[in-house]
């Protein structure tokens, strides 16, 4: 049975995080150094290097004690090499991109796309969804989606809300703006900004929650080129652990930087054993130990933001290598897979 590992990257820069908003107002963003391009390149290169190692290892099929045999098969859909067991060796991820950055770095967004990863939306200005009017939120959602689609020349299917601040009404607005899925639900309830949604009546397919399947009858097909059921809207939650009726945050971000690697790895193994899929998130600034320090920030926010930045790149590499047996696919690819079995 295949295990799926969904790597997701929230592409925002060091000065755009919610915890710094009171110290770095939006009006000053243009005056700060953009470091996100360099950090995103490091992540892209890491994904490529591990994918190359996986391919090199797996195509060496031992046929005797002294011989090996390479048996690659060409995948006609994307031109990538895969082995004869159906395992695609490329490490693919989903990059949820802030529109404000995409406007300034369109070449970076095109590179993410050209290197085989999914480009999705993280909104335009990193405003919290639950602090905007419905009209302003619709504009933010539609403008960021249109901008990204113009840059990469294809449809954008996914959205992630800044600080995971969603609710059921917000999900409906996201759906109405033409997205196929949202990936903002974080079930860890002890974070003040994380939103909550009602999931008790939602049909589950893998780790995906079916939020709605009425779009096609109301509005016509949103995404006619998407394999599966284009009228269905899904939520792809951040992966967490349930222990003694309590939810522990295990999806990445600051928790990944703070939890010892051996323990974090055990938690991911537990999630994969139970769910057959794991969804991880992080930000490019989390591998940047040389980023500027915000001197006025509170001690608590300073600890949360700057802890273990120098160790995160290596820790991420170890995480991916530890689960090299998994299929590292994009969010859209994962939905494609679970919808095939739903037909």
Foldseek 3Di string as FASTA:
>chain_A
DFFEEAEEAEEDAPCQAPLCCVVQPPVCVVVDDGPSLVLVVLVLVLQAVQLVVLQVVVQQCDPDPPGTHGAWDADVPPRAIDHPVPFGSGFEYEYAYAQCVCVVCLVSLQVSVVSPYHYAHAWHRLDAPVVDDLVVNLCRLLVSQVSSCVSNVDGHAEYEYRVLQDELVRLVSNVVSLHQEYERAEPQPPDPRRHDYDQPPFDDQQQKTWSDQCQCVPPNFSCVVAAFRRSIYIYRYADWDADPNHTDRLAEELVLLPDDLVVSLVVVVVCCVVRSYHHHYYYSCLLPQPDDDSVPRDPVVCCSSNRNNPPVSVSVSVSCSVVSSHRNGYPSVVVNVRSVVVD
